[in-house]
PDB file of all heavy atoms in Angstrom:
ATOM      1  N   GLN A   1       8.942 -23.418 -23.100  1.00  0.00           N
ATOM      2  CA  GLN A   1       7.677 -22.971 -22.608  1.00  0.00           C
ATOM      3  C   GLN A   1       7.720 -21.435 -22.466  1.00  0.00           C
ATOM      4  O   GLN A   1       8.749 -20.882 -22.101  1.00  0.00           O
ATOM      5  CB  GLN A   1       7.417 -23.629 -21.230  1.00  0.00           C
ATOM      6  CG  GLN A   1       7.186 -25.131 -21.421  1.00  0.00           C
ATOM      7  CD  GLN A   1       6.797 -25.733 -20.016  1.00  0.00           C
ATOM      8  OE1 GLN A   1       6.943 -25.059 -19.062  1.00  0.00           O
ATOM      9  NE2 GLN A   1       6.372 -26.959 -20.100  1.00  0.00           N
ATOM     10  N   PRO A   2       6.574 -20.753 -22.689  1.00  0.00           N
ATOM     11  CA  PRO A   2       6.529 -19.383 -22.508  1.00  0.00           C
ATOM     12  C   PRO A   2       6.602 -18.970 -21.076  1.00  0.00           C
ATOM     13  O   PRO A   2       6.258 -19.763 -20.148  1.00  0.00           O
ATOM     14  CB  PRO A   2       5.125 -19.005 -23.067  1.00  0.00           C
ATOM     15  CG  PRO A   2       4.360 -20.176 -23.035  1.00  0.00           C
ATOM     16  CD  PRO A   2       5.310 -21.361 -23.163  1.00  0.00           C
ATOM     17  N   PRO A   3       7.186 -17.822 -20.791  1.00  0.00           N
ATOM     18  CA  PRO A   3       7.401 -17.463 -19.367  1.00  0.00           C
ATOM     19  C   PRO A   3       5.967 -17.238 -18.714  1.00  0.00           C
ATOM     20  O   PRO A   3       5.058 -16.896 -19.351  1.00  0.00           O
ATOM     21  CB  PRO A   3       8.172 -16.169 -19.455  1.00  0.00           C
ATOM     22  CG  PRO A   3       7.985 -15.628 -20.802  1.00  0.00           C
ATOM     23  CD  PRO A   3       7.717 -16.792 -21.744  1.00  0.00           C
ATOM     24  N   ASP A   4       5.963 -17.521 -17.359  1.00  0.00           N
ATOM     25  CA  ASP A   4       4.702 -17.293 -16.623  1.00  0.00           C
ATOM     26  C   ASP A   4       4.448 -15.793 -16.412  1.00  0.00           C
ATOM     27  O   ASP A   4       5.266 -15.111 -15.924  1.00  0.00           O
ATOM     28  CB  ASP A   4       4.850 -17.979 -15.296  1.00  0.00           C
ATOM     29  CG  ASP A   4       3.546 -18.116 -14.548  1.00  0.00           C
ATOM     30  OD1 ASP A   4       2.503 -17.864 -15.192  1.00  0.00           O
ATOM     31  OD2 ASP A   4       3.602 -18.505 -13.397  1.00  0.00           O
ATOM     32  N   ARG A   5       3.349 -15.343 -16.898  1.00  0.00           N
ATOM     33  CA  ARG A   5       3.001 -13.913 -16.928  1.00  0.00           C
ATOM     34  C   ARG A   5       1.937 -13.568 -15.829  1.00  0.00           C
ATOM     35  O   ARG A   5       1.341 -12.544 -15.955  1.00  0.00           O
ATOM     36  CB  ARG A   5       2.456 -13.537 -18.239  1.00  0.00           C
ATOM     37  CG  ARG A   5       3.460 -13.731 -19.343  1.00  0.00           C
ATOM     38  CD  ARG A   5       3.775 -12.463 -20.026  1.00  0.00           C
ATOM     39  NE  ARG A   5       4.687 -12.640 -21.167  1.00  0.00           N
ATOM     40  CZ  ARG A   5       5.802 -12.088 -21.293  1.00  0.00           C
ATOM     41  NH1 ARG A   5       6.112 -11.216 -20.374  1.00  0.00           N
ATOM     42  NH2 ARG A   5       6.494 -12.379 -22.409  1.00  0.00           N
ATOM     43  N   ARG A   6       1.760 -14.457 -14.759  1.00  0.00           N
ATOM     44  CA  ARG A   6       0.851 -14.116 -13.708  1.00  0.00           C
ATOM     45  C   ARG A   6       1.453 -12.919 -12.986  1.00  0.00           C
ATOM     46  O   ARG A   6       2.647 -12.729 -12.773  1.00  0.00           O
ATOM     47  CB  ARG A   6       0.721 -15.258 -12.808  1.00  0.00           C
ATOM     48  CG  ARG A   6      -0.107 -16.365 -13.388  1.00  0.00           C
ATOM     49  CD  ARG A   6      -0.287 -17.538 -12.410  1.00  0.00           C
ATOM     50  NE  ARG A   6       0.983 -18.171 -12.311  1.00  0.00           N
ATOM     51  CZ  ARG A   6       1.430 -18.854 -11.313  1.00  0.00           C
ATOM     52  NH1 ARG A   6       0.588 -18.967 -10.232  1.00  0.00           N
ATOM     53  NH2 ARG A   6       2.547 -19.425 -11.202  1.00  0.00           N
ATOM     54  N   LEU A   7       0.433 -12.101 -12.456  1.00  0.00           N
ATOM     55  CA  LEU A   7       0.909 -10.916 -11.704  1.00  0.00           C
ATOM     56  C   LEU A   7       1.121 -11.391 -10.255  1.00  0.00           C
ATOM     57  O   LEU A   7       0.258 -11.987  -9.705  1.00  0.00           O
ATOM     58  CB  LEU A   7      -0.193  -9.854 -11.690  1.00  0.00           C
ATOM     59  CG  LEU A   7      -0.289  -9.022 -13.023  1.00  0.00           C
ATOM     60  CD1 LEU A   7      -1.440  -8.056 -12.902  1.00  0.00           C
ATOM     61  CD2 LEU A   7       0.941  -8.328 -13.294  1.00  0.00           C
ATOM     62  N   ASP A   8       2.213 -11.062  -9.811  1.00  0.00           N
ATOM     63  CA  ASP A   8       2.555 -11.367  -8.390  1.00  0.00           C
ATOM     64  C   ASP A   8       3.141 -10.058  -7.831  1.00  0.00           C
ATOM     65  O   ASP A   8       4.023  -9.471  -8.405  1.00  0.00           O
ATOM     66  CB  ASP A   8       3.570 -12.505  -8.368  1.00  0.00           C
ATOM     67  CG  ASP A   8       3.849 -13.036  -6.901  1.00  0.00           C
ATOM     68  OD1 ASP A   8       3.013 -12.605  -6.062  1.00  0.00           O
ATOM     69  OD2 ASP A   8       4.811 -13.734  -6.735  1.00  0.00           O
ATOM     70  N   PHE A   9       2.742  -9.700  -6.588  1.00  0.00           N
ATOM     71  CA  PHE A   9       3.174  -8.519  -6.038  1.00  0.00           C
ATOM     72  C   PHE A   9       4.660  -8.542  -5.726  1.00  0.00           C
ATOM     73  O   PHE A   9       5.328  -7.540  -5.683  1.00  0.00           O
ATOM     74  CB  PHE A   9       2.451  -8.255  -4.626  1.00  0.00           C
ATOM     75  CG  PHE A   9       1.045  -7.821  -4.893  1.00  0.00           C
ATOM     76  CD1 PHE A   9       0.018  -8.553  -4.472  1.00  0.00           C
ATOM     77  CD2 PHE A   9       0.804  -6.618  -5.539  1.00  0.00           C
ATOM     78  CE1 PHE A   9      -1.250  -8.196  -4.704  1.00  0.00           C
ATOM     79  CE2 PHE A   9      -0.542  -6.177  -5.784  1.00  0.00           C
ATOM     80  CZ  PHE A   9      -1.578  -6.978  -5.310  1.00  0.00           C
ATOM     81  N   HIS A  10       5.270  -9.702  -5.683  1.00  0.00           N
ATOM     82  CA  HIS A  10       6.717  -9.741  -5.288  1.00  0.00           C
ATOM     83  C   HIS A  10       7.529  -9.631  -6.590  1.00  0.00           C
ATOM     84  O   HIS A  10       8.758  -9.436  -6.542  1.00  0.00           O
ATOM     85  CB  HIS A  10       7.025 -11.027  -4.609  1.00  0.00           C
ATOM     86  CG  HIS A  10       6.343 -11.177  -3.258  1.00  0.00           C
ATOM     87  ND1 HIS A  10       6.746 -10.418  -2.230  1.00  0.00           N
ATOM     88  CD2 HIS A  10       5.277 -11.894  -2.834  1.00  0.00           C
ATOM     89  CE1 HIS A  10       5.939 -10.719  -1.132  1.00  0.00           C
ATOM     90  NE2 HIS A  10       5.083 -11.576  -1.496  1.00  0.00           N
ATOM     91  N   THR A  11       6.920  -9.834  -7.745  1.00  0.00           N
ATOM     92  CA  THR A  11       7.690  -9.644  -8.971  1.00  0.00           C
ATOM     93  C   THR A  11       7.615  -8.305  -9.549  1.00  0.00           C
ATOM     94  O   THR A  11       8.466  -7.881 -10.375  1.00  0.00           O
ATOM     95  CB  THR A  11       7.161 -10.671 -10.055  1.00  0.00           C
ATOM     96  OG1 THR A  11       5.833 -10.363 -10.341  1.00  0.00           O
ATOM     97  CG2 THR A  11       7.341 -12.119  -9.527  1.00  0.00           C
ATOM     98  N   ILE A  12       6.597  -7.480  -9.207  1.00  0.00           N
ATOM     99  CA  ILE A  12       6.551  -6.143  -9.709  1.00  0.00           C
ATOM    100  C   ILE A  12       7.432  -5.201  -8.858  1.00  0.00           C
ATOM    101  O   ILE A  12       7.239  -5.146  -7.608  1.00  0.00           O
ATOM    102  CB  ILE A  12       5.149  -5.585  -9.758  1.00  0.00           C
ATOM    103  CG1 ILE A  12       4.202  -6.556 -10.619  1.00  0.00           C
ATOM    104  CG2 ILE A  12       5.069  -4.192 -10.174  1.00  0.00           C
ATOM    105  CD1 ILE A  12       2.805  -6.277 -10.451  1.00  0.00           C
ATOM    106  N   PRO A  13       8.353  -4.508  -9.432  1.00  0.00           N
ATOM    107  CA  PRO A  13       9.254  -3.701  -8.579  1.00  0.00           C
ATOM    108  C   PRO A  13       8.477  -2.603  -7.817  1.00  0.00           C
ATOM    109  O   PRO A  13       7.543  -1.953  -8.419  1.00  0.00           O
ATOM    110  CB  PRO A  13      10.192  -3.086  -9.626  1.00  0.00           C
ATOM    111  CG  PRO A  13       9.964  -3.662 -10.908  1.00  0.00           C
ATOM    112  CD  PRO A  13       8.731  -4.403 -10.817  1.00  0.00           C
ATOM    113  N   GLY A  14       8.806  -2.393  -6.632  1.00  0.00           N
ATOM    114  CA  GLY A  14       8.208  -1.340  -5.815  1.00  0.00           C
ATOM    115  C   GLY A  14       6.909  -1.652  -5.200  1.00  0.00           C
ATOM    116  O   GLY A  14       6.251  -0.810  -4.611  1.00  0.00           O
ATOM    117  N   THR A  15       6.430  -2.932  -5.305  1.00  0.00           N
ATOM    118  CA  THR A  15       5.146  -3.317  -4.792  1.00  0.00           C
ATOM    119  C   THR A  15       5.280  -4.433  -3.814  1.00  0.00           C
ATOM    120  O   THR A  15       4.381  -5.233  -3.676  1.00  0.00           O
ATOM    121  CB  THR A  15       4.141  -3.693  -5.839  1.00  0.00           C
ATOM    122  OG1 THR A  15       4.704  -4.797  -6.571  1.00  0.00           O
ATOM    123  CG2 THR A  15       3.779  -2.506  -6.732  1.00  0.00           C
ATOM    124  N   ALA A  16       6.349  -4.563  -3.147  1.00  0.00           N
ATOM    125  CA  ALA A  16       6.621  -5.610  -2.205  1.00  0.00           C
ATOM    126  C   ALA A  16       5.622  -5.548  -1.028  1.00  0.00           C
ATOM    127  O   ALA A  16       5.107  -4.432  -0.675  1.00  0.00           O
ATOM    128  CB  ALA A  16       7.984  -5.569  -1.609  1.00  0.00           C
ATOM    129  N   LYS A  17       5.152  -6.644  -0.533  1.00  0.00           N
ATOM    130  CA  LYS A  17       4.176  -6.631   0.531  1.00  0.00           C
ATOM    131  C   LYS A  17       4.677  -6.140   1.907  1.00  0.00           C
ATOM    132  O   LYS A  17       5.784  -6.500   2.299  1.00  0.00           O
ATOM    133  CB  LYS A  17       3.687  -8.120   0.762  1.00  0.00           C
ATOM    134  CG  LYS A  17       2.530  -8.278   1.618  1.00  0.00           C
ATOM    135  CD  LYS A  17       2.028  -9.648   1.705  1.00  0.00           C
ATOM    136  CE  LYS A  17       0.948  -9.805   2.748  1.00  0.00           C
ATOM    137  NZ  LYS A  17       0.552 -11.200   2.833  1.00  0.00           N
ATOM    138  N   LEU A  18       4.043  -5.103   2.473  1.00  0.00           N
ATOM    139  CA  LEU A  18       4.409  -4.487   3.677  1.00  0.00           C
ATOM    140  C   LEU A  18       3.981  -5.398   4.902  1.00  0.00           C
ATOM    141  O   LEU A  18       2.945  -5.963   4.848  1.00  0.00           O
ATOM    142  CB  LEU A  18       3.838  -3.124   3.856  1.00  0.00           C
ATOM    143  CG  LEU A  18       4.330  -1.992   2.958  1.00  0.00           C
ATOM    144  CD1 LEU A  18       3.500  -0.769   3.260  1.00  0.00           C
ATOM    145  CD2 LEU A  18       5.764  -1.777   3.248  1.00  0.00           C
ATOM    146  N   PRO A  19       4.784  -5.476   5.949  1.00  0.00           N
ATOM    147  CA  PRO A  19       4.349  -6.159   7.149  1.00  0.00           C
ATOM    148  C   PRO A  19       3.232  -5.366   7.788  1.00  0.00           C
ATOM    149  O   PRO A  19       3.083  -4.190   7.658  1.00  0.00           O
ATOM    150  CB  PRO A  19       5.594  -6.168   8.007  1.00  0.00           C
ATOM    151  CG  PRO A  19       6.720  -5.594   7.294  1.00  0.00           C
ATOM    152  CD  PRO A  19       6.140  -4.966   5.961  1.00  0.00           C
ATOM    153  N   TRP A  20       2.386  -6.130   8.508  1.00  0.00           N
ATOM    154  CA  TRP A  20       1.191  -5.524   9.191  1.00  0.00           C
ATOM    155  C   TRP A  20       1.538  -4.384  10.166  1.00  0.00           C
ATOM    156  O   TRP A  20       0.733  -3.451  10.315  1.00  0.00           O
ATOM    157  CB  TRP A  20       0.370  -6.515   9.838  1.00  0.00           C
ATOM    158  CG  TRP A  20       0.952  -7.179  11.004  1.00  0.00           C
ATOM    159  CD1 TRP A  20       1.728  -8.269  11.095  1.00  0.00           C
ATOM    160  CD2 TRP A  20       0.908  -6.708  12.365  1.00  0.00           C
ATOM    161  NE1 TRP A  20       2.170  -8.506  12.300  1.00  0.00           N
ATOM    162  CE2 TRP A  20       1.662  -7.550  13.155  1.00  0.00           C
ATOM    163  CE3 TRP A  20       0.265  -5.613  12.952  1.00  0.00           C
ATOM    164  CZ2 TRP A  20       1.805  -7.364  14.511  1.00  0.00           C
ATOM    165  CZ3 TRP A  20       0.423  -5.454  14.350  1.00  0.00           C
ATOM    166  CH2 TRP A  20       1.181  -6.313  15.117  1.00  0.00           C
ATOM    167  N   TRP A  21       2.661  -4.563  10.828  1.00  0.00           N
ATOM    168  CA  TRP A  21       3.070  -3.558  11.870  1.00  0.00           C
ATOM    169  C   TRP A  21       3.488  -2.242  11.189  1.00  0.00           C
ATOM    170  O   TRP A  21       3.662  -1.255  11.913  1.00  0.00           O
ATOM    171  CB  TRP A  21       4.084  -4.164  12.814  1.00  0.00           C
ATOM    172  CG  TRP A  21       5.383  -4.656  12.095  1.00  0.00           C
ATOM    173  CD1 TRP A  21       5.457  -5.969  11.706  1.00  0.00           C
ATOM    174  CD2 TRP A  21       6.529  -3.993  11.848  1.00  0.00           C
ATOM    175  NE1 TRP A  21       6.757  -6.086  11.139  1.00  0.00           N
ATOM    176  CE2 TRP A  21       7.440  -4.927  11.261  1.00  0.00           C
ATOM    177  CE3 TRP A  21       6.994  -2.728  12.136  1.00  0.00           C
ATOM    178  CZ2 TRP A  21       8.693  -4.520  10.872  1.00  0.00           C
ATOM    179  CZ3 TRP A  21       8.241  -2.339  11.790  1.00  0.00           C
ATOM    180  CH2 TRP A  21       9.030  -3.255  11.107  1.00  0.00           C
ATOM    181  N   ILE A  22       3.769  -2.208   9.946  1.00  0.00           N
ATOM    182  CA  ILE A  22       4.036  -0.990   9.324  1.00  0.00           C
ATOM    183  C   ILE A  22       2.743  -0.472   8.557  1.00  0.00           C
ATOM    184  O   ILE A  22       2.485   0.675   8.588  1.00  0.00           O
ATOM    185  CB  ILE A  22       5.149  -1.157   8.247  1.00  0.00           C
ATOM    186  CG1 ILE A  22       6.555  -1.415   8.971  1.00  0.00           C
ATOM    187  CG2 ILE A  22       5.342   0.132   7.434  1.00  0.00           C
ATOM    188  CD1 ILE A  22       7.719  -1.651   8.016  1.00  0.00           C
ATOM    189  N   PHE A  23       2.005  -1.363   7.963  1.00  0.00           N
ATOM    190  CA  PHE A  23       0.862  -1.020   7.192  1.00  0.00           C
ATOM    191  C   PHE A  23      -0.253  -0.449   8.093  1.00  0.00           C
ATOM    192  O   PHE A  23      -0.830   0.533   7.722  1.00  0.00           O
ATOM    193  CB  PHE A  23       0.295  -2.315   6.461  1.00  0.00           C
ATOM    194  CG  PHE A  23      -0.973  -2.004   5.745  1.00  0.00           C
ATOM    195  CD1 PHE A  23      -0.928  -1.328   4.467  1.00  0.00           C
ATOM    196  CD2 PHE A  23      -2.114  -2.490   6.159  1.00  0.00           C
ATOM    197  CE1 PHE A  23      -2.073  -1.092   3.809  1.00  0.00           C
ATOM    198  CE2 PHE A  23      -3.293  -2.253   5.469  1.00  0.00           C
ATOM    199  CZ  PHE A  23      -3.293  -1.538   4.290  1.00  0.00           C
ATOM    200  N   LEU A  24      -0.546  -1.039   9.200  1.00  0.00           N
ATOM    201  CA  LEU A  24      -1.667  -0.660  10.080  1.00  0.00           C
ATOM    202  C   LEU A  24      -1.414   0.863  10.615  1.00  0.00           C
ATOM    203  O   LEU A  24      -2.308   1.687  10.455  1.00  0.00           O
ATOM    204  CB  LEU A  24      -1.799  -1.563  11.199  1.00  0.00           C
ATOM    205  CG  LEU A  24      -3.150  -1.397  11.999  1.00  0.00           C
ATOM    206  CD1 LEU A  24      -4.360  -1.545  11.136  1.00  0.00           C
ATOM    207  CD2 LEU A  24      -3.194  -2.423  13.139  1.00  0.00           C
ATOM    208  N   PRO A  25      -0.266   1.118  11.276  1.00  0.00           N
ATOM    209  CA  PRO A  25      -0.103   2.500  11.634  1.00  0.00           C
ATOM    210  C   PRO A  25      -0.045   3.521  10.518  1.00  0.00           C
ATOM    211  O   PRO A  25      -0.589   4.714  10.672  1.00  0.00           O
ATOM    212  CB  PRO A  25       1.215   2.548  12.402  1.00  0.00           C
ATOM    213  CG  PRO A  25       1.498   1.145  12.678  1.00  0.00           C
ATOM    214  CD  PRO A  25       0.793   0.309  11.671  1.00  0.00           C
ATOM    215  N   GLY A  26       0.446   3.122   9.314  1.00  0.00           N
ATOM    216  CA  GLY A  26       0.376   3.919   8.167  1.00  0.00           C
ATOM    217  C   GLY A  26      -0.998   4.216   7.755  1.00  0.00           C
ATOM    218  O   GLY A  26      -1.391   5.446   7.349  1.00  0.00           O
ATOM    219  N   LEU A  27      -1.795   3.259   7.715  1.00  0.00           N
ATOM    220  CA  LEU A  27      -3.224   3.378   7.389  1.00  0.00           C
ATOM    221  C   LEU A  27      -3.960   4.346   8.385  1.00  0.00           C
ATOM    222  O   LEU A  27      -4.718   5.257   7.985  1.00  0.00           O
ATOM    223  CB  LEU A  27      -3.947   2.052   7.398  1.00  0.00           C
ATOM    224  CG  LEU A  27      -5.421   2.019   6.887  1.00  0.00           C
ATOM    225  CD1 LEU A  27      -5.537   2.521   5.446  1.00  0.00           C
ATOM    226  CD2 LEU A  27      -6.013   0.640   7.113  1.00  0.00           C
ATOM    227  N   VAL A  28      -3.748   4.169   9.637  1.00  0.00           N
ATOM    228  CA  VAL A  28      -4.321   5.011  10.612  1.00  0.00           C
ATOM    229  C   VAL A  28      -3.899   6.479  10.486  1.00  0.00           C
ATOM    230  O   VAL A  28      -4.695   7.376  10.562  1.00  0.00           O
ATOM    231  CB  VAL A  28      -3.993   4.497  12.115  1.00  0.00           C
ATOM    232  CG1 VAL A  28      -4.429   5.457  13.157  1.00  0.00           C
ATOM    233  CG2 VAL A  28      -4.691   3.166  12.299  1.00  0.00           C
ATOM    234  N   LEU A  29      -2.548   6.731  10.134  1.00  0.00           N
ATOM    235  CA  LEU A  29      -2.142   7.974   9.893  1.00  0.00           C
ATOM    236  C   LEU A  29      -2.672   8.636   8.752  1.00  0.00           C
ATOM    237  O   LEU A  29      -3.037   9.883   8.789  1.00  0.00           O
ATOM    238  CB  LEU A  29      -0.499   7.923   9.855  1.00  0.00           C
ATOM    239  CG  LEU A  29       0.193   9.299   9.619  1.00  0.00           C
ATOM    240  CD1 LEU A  29       0.092  10.088  10.894  1.00  0.00           C
ATOM    241  CD2 LEU A  29       1.594   9.015   9.246  1.00  0.00           C
ATOM    242  N   ILE A  30      -2.889   7.990   7.623  1.00  0.00           N
ATOM    243  CA  ILE A  30      -3.510   8.435   6.421  1.00  0.00           C
ATOM    244  C   ILE A  30      -4.938   8.860   6.717  1.00  0.00           C
ATOM    245  O   ILE A  30      -5.366   9.900   6.356  1.00  0.00           O
ATOM    246  CB  ILE A  30      -3.334   7.397   5.341  1.00  0.00           C
ATOM    247  CG1 ILE A  30      -1.947   7.344   4.837  1.00  0.00           C
ATOM    248  CG2 ILE A  30      -4.286   7.784   4.167  1.00  0.00           C
ATOM    249  CD1 ILE A  30      -1.715   6.199   3.924  1.00  0.00           C
ATOM    250  N   ILE A  31      -5.633   8.001   7.434  1.00  0.00           N
ATOM    251  CA  ILE A  31      -7.128   8.292   7.793  1.00  0.00           C
ATOM    252  C   ILE A  31      -7.147   9.597   8.658  1.00  0.00           C
ATOM    253  O   ILE A  31      -7.954  10.438   8.511  1.00  0.00           O
ATOM    254  CB  ILE A  31      -7.828   7.041   8.403  1.00  0.00           C
ATOM    255  CG1 ILE A  31      -7.873   5.987   7.364  1.00  0.00           C
ATOM    256  CG2 ILE A  31      -9.179   7.479   9.029  1.00  0.00           C
ATOM    257  CD1 ILE A  31      -8.456   4.713   7.915  1.00  0.00           C
ATOM    258  N   ALA A  32      -6.220   9.686   9.625  1.00  0.00           N
ATOM    259  CA  ALA A  32      -6.265  10.853  10.499  1.00  0.00           C
ATOM    260  C   ALA A  32      -5.948  12.156   9.742  1.00  0.00           C
ATOM    261  O   ALA A  32      -6.604  13.172   9.890  1.00  0.00           O
ATOM    262  CB  ALA A  32      -5.198  10.668  11.626  1.00  0.00           C
ATOM    263  N   ILE A  33      -5.008  12.076   8.868  1.00  0.00           N
ATOM    264  CA  ILE A  33      -4.622  13.188   7.924  1.00  0.00           C
ATOM    265  C   ILE A  33      -5.831  13.581   7.060  1.00  0.00           C
ATOM    266  O   ILE A  33      -6.134  14.806   7.004  1.00  0.00           O
ATOM    267  CB  ILE A  33      -3.400  12.960   7.087  1.00  0.00           C
ATOM    268  CG1 ILE A  33      -2.167  12.859   8.037  1.00  0.00           C
ATOM    269  CG2 ILE A  33      -3.174  13.998   6.046  1.00  0.00           C
ATOM    270  CD1 ILE A  33      -0.964  12.444   7.368  1.00  0.00           C
ATOM    271  N   LEU A  34      -6.462  12.574   6.549  1.00  0.00           N
ATOM    272  CA  LEU A  34      -7.609  12.976   5.698  1.00  0.00           C
ATOM    273  C   LEU A  34      -8.761  13.552   6.478  1.00  0.00           C
ATOM    274  O   LEU A  34      -9.443  14.428   6.078  1.00  0.00           O
ATOM    275  CB  LEU A  34      -8.132  11.737   4.901  1.00  0.00           C
ATOM    276  CG  LEU A  34      -7.242  11.237   3.791  1.00  0.00           C
ATOM    277  CD1 LEU A  34      -7.772   9.916   3.310  1.00  0.00           C
ATOM    278  CD2 LEU A  34      -7.116  12.220   2.711  1.00  0.00           C
ATOM    279  N   TYR A  35      -8.921  13.101   7.740  1.00  0.00           N
ATOM    280  CA  TYR A  35      -9.990  13.666   8.596  1.00  0.00           C
ATOM    281  C   TYR A  35      -9.724  15.066   8.879  1.00  0.00           C
ATOM    282  O   TYR A  35     -10.622  15.947   8.858  1.00  0.00           O
ATOM    283  CB  TYR A  35     -10.077  12.864   9.894  1.00  0.00           C
ATOM    284  CG  TYR A  35     -11.103  13.371  10.839  1.00  0.00           C
ATOM    285  CD1 TYR A  35     -12.443  13.181  10.671  1.00  0.00           C
ATOM    286  CD2 TYR A  35     -10.649  14.076  12.014  1.00  0.00           C
ATOM    287  CE1 TYR A  35     -13.331  13.699  11.613  1.00  0.00           C
ATOM    288  CE2 TYR A  35     -11.584  14.573  12.877  1.00  0.00           C
ATOM    289  CZ  TYR A  35     -12.863  14.389  12.698  1.00  0.00           C
ATOM    290  OH  TYR A  35     -13.828  14.887  13.603  1.00  0.00           O
ATOM    291  N   TRP A  36      -8.473  15.401   9.313  1.00  0.00           N
ATOM    292  CA  TRP A  36      -8.198  16.805   9.613  1.00  0.00           C
ATOM    293  C   TRP A  36      -8.069  17.704   8.400  1.00  0.00           C
ATOM    294  O   TRP A  36      -8.250  18.914   8.546  1.00  0.00           O
ATOM    295  CB  TRP A  36      -6.813  16.859  10.362  1.00  0.00           C
ATOM    296  CG  TRP A  36      -6.979  16.354  11.856  1.00  0.00           C
ATOM    297  CD1 TRP A  36      -8.014  16.678  12.624  1.00  0.00           C
ATOM    298  CD2 TRP A  36      -6.166  15.457  12.468  1.00  0.00           C
ATOM    299  NE1 TRP A  36      -7.790  16.056  13.870  1.00  0.00           N
ATOM    300  CE2 TRP A  36      -6.707  15.324  13.770  1.00  0.00           C
ATOM    301  CE3 TRP A  36      -5.030  14.824  12.151  1.00  0.00           C
ATOM    302  CZ2 TRP A  36      -6.131  14.405  14.725  1.00  0.00           C
ATOM    303  CZ3 TRP A  36      -4.466  13.955  13.142  1.00  0.00           C
ATOM    304  CH2 TRP A  36      -4.958  13.779  14.416  1.00  0.00           C
ATOM    305  N   ALA A  37      -7.805  17.150   7.223  1.00  0.00           N
ATOM    306  CA  ALA A  37      -7.690  18.003   6.032  1.00  0.00           C
ATOM    307  C   ALA A  37      -9.060  18.059   5.277  1.00  0.00           C
ATOM    308  O   ALA A  37      -9.054  18.660   4.170  1.00  0.00           O
ATOM    309  CB  ALA A  37      -6.623  17.345   5.157  1.00  0.00           C
ATOM    310  N   GLN A  38     -10.113  17.529   5.812  1.00  0.00           N
ATOM    311  CA  GLN A  38     -11.337  17.583   5.091  1.00  0.00           C
ATOM    312  C   GLN A  38     -11.911  19.039   4.849  1.00  0.00           C
ATOM    313  O   GLN A  38     -12.587  19.251   3.906  1.00  0.00           O
ATOM    314  CB  GLN A  38     -12.391  16.739   5.708  1.00  0.00           C
ATOM    315  CG  GLN A  38     -12.997  17.217   6.993  1.00  0.00           C
ATOM    316  CD  GLN A  38     -13.985  16.361   7.629  1.00  0.00           C
ATOM    317  OE1 GLN A  38     -14.348  15.343   7.052  1.00  0.00           O
ATOM    318  NE2 GLN A  38     -14.413  16.666   8.824  1.00  0.00           N
ATOM    319  N   ALA A  39     -11.529  19.954   5.752  1.00  0.00           N
ATOM    320  CA  ALA A  39     -11.895  21.366   5.584  1.00  0.00           C
ATOM    321  C   ALA A  39     -11.277  21.890   4.290  1.00  0.00           C
ATOM    322  O   ALA A  39     -11.954  22.841   3.674  1.00  0.00           O
ATOM    323  CB  ALA A  39     -11.538  22.207   6.760  1.00  0.00           C
ATOM    324  N   VAL A  40     -10.258  21.375   3.838  1.00  0.00           N
ATOM    325  CA  VAL A  40      -9.566  21.832   2.664  1.00  0.00           C
ATOM    326  C   VAL A  40      -9.977  20.957   1.431  1.00  0.00           C
ATOM    327  O   VAL A  40     -10.229  21.480   0.306  1.00  0.00           O
ATOM    328  CB  VAL A  40      -8.072  21.934   2.786  1.00  0.00           C
ATOM    329  CG1 VAL A  40      -7.383  22.259   1.465  1.00  0.00           C
ATOM    330  CG2 VAL A  40      -7.708  22.889   3.807  1.00  0.00           C
ATOM    331  N   LEU A  41     -10.034  19.667   1.672  1.00  0.00           N
ATOM    332  CA  LEU A  41     -10.184  18.687   0.607  1.00  0.00           C
ATOM    333  C   LEU A  41     -11.641  18.694   0.004  1.00  0.00           C
ATOM    334  O   LEU A  41     -11.805  18.500  -1.140  1.00  0.00           O
ATOM    335  CB  LEU A  41      -9.805  17.307   1.132  1.00  0.00           C
ATOM    336  CG  LEU A  41      -8.336  17.085   1.369  1.00  0.00           C
ATOM    337  CD1 LEU A  41      -8.103  15.714   1.892  1.00  0.00           C
ATOM    338  CD2 LEU A  41      -7.469  17.419   0.154  1.00  0.00           C
TER     339      LEU A  41
END
């Protein structure tokens, strides 16, 4: 049988799913940086 070619985040290297307790503060940090950098961006 041909190999299963479905895309799964766990099979693509470097795209493992982050836990929420790391993702949420990272998202807040990114939004804060973009807010403060808007004068330049």
